[in-house]
Amino acid sequence: MTNEEHVTSCGPISPGGIESSPPGLLREPLEFLFAEHYRHRQMCRVLEHLAAAPLFDATLIATTDDFIRNDLTLHVLDEEEDLFPLLRRRCEAEDEIDDVLDRLSVDHAADQDQARIVRTYLVAALEKKVAPSTFPGCADAFQRLARLEKNHVALENAVVMPMARRRLLASDLEALSRSLAARRGVTL
């Protein structure tokens, strides 16, 4: 057996986990949100790995479930309750941001629905101590959430984040920072 055949027979190489965001970034809310987008991309890599992984990895499964249950949910709230309303207030008509934000809000709902489906597989895998990929439909569900998230994050990074940097005032950023921190139980 060649090295390549051995690696392939062992299944996909683990992507590692999902890094934590440095709490100090909360003082720089746009940098914090950008770092969160990077973490979402890490989640996508993990989901793609778990969709095909033949081996049970309790730690990776549990941390992914925890990320989806907590961090992903908080991030949606950060955007829907804080960032998007600020952008709607500060952007000008020529920015045409409303359609983008409306689309992202629809995406958030679809992402959350798909995340609930993914979590059922993750929880079942932990309970049964088996790889999630052993469940029928799991690979499709994991890959769908990864695809949705990648598209979502790409749009936010390409349009929303540059617009936020251009239009939000220092007072907006301070308020955003306080809201993000409060949502996480952090005092700045």
Foldseek 3Di string as FASTA:
>chain_A
DDPVVVCVVQADDALDAQDDQPLVCLLVVLVSLLSLLVSLLSLLVRLLRLLIHFAQDLVRLVRSLVCLVPVLVLSLCLCPVAQVVQLVVFDDVVLVCPVVVVVLNVLSVVLNVLSVVQSVLSVVCNVVVGRSNVDPPNSVSSNVSSVSSVVSSVSCVVRVSVSCVVTGDPVSSNVSSVVSQVSVVHDD
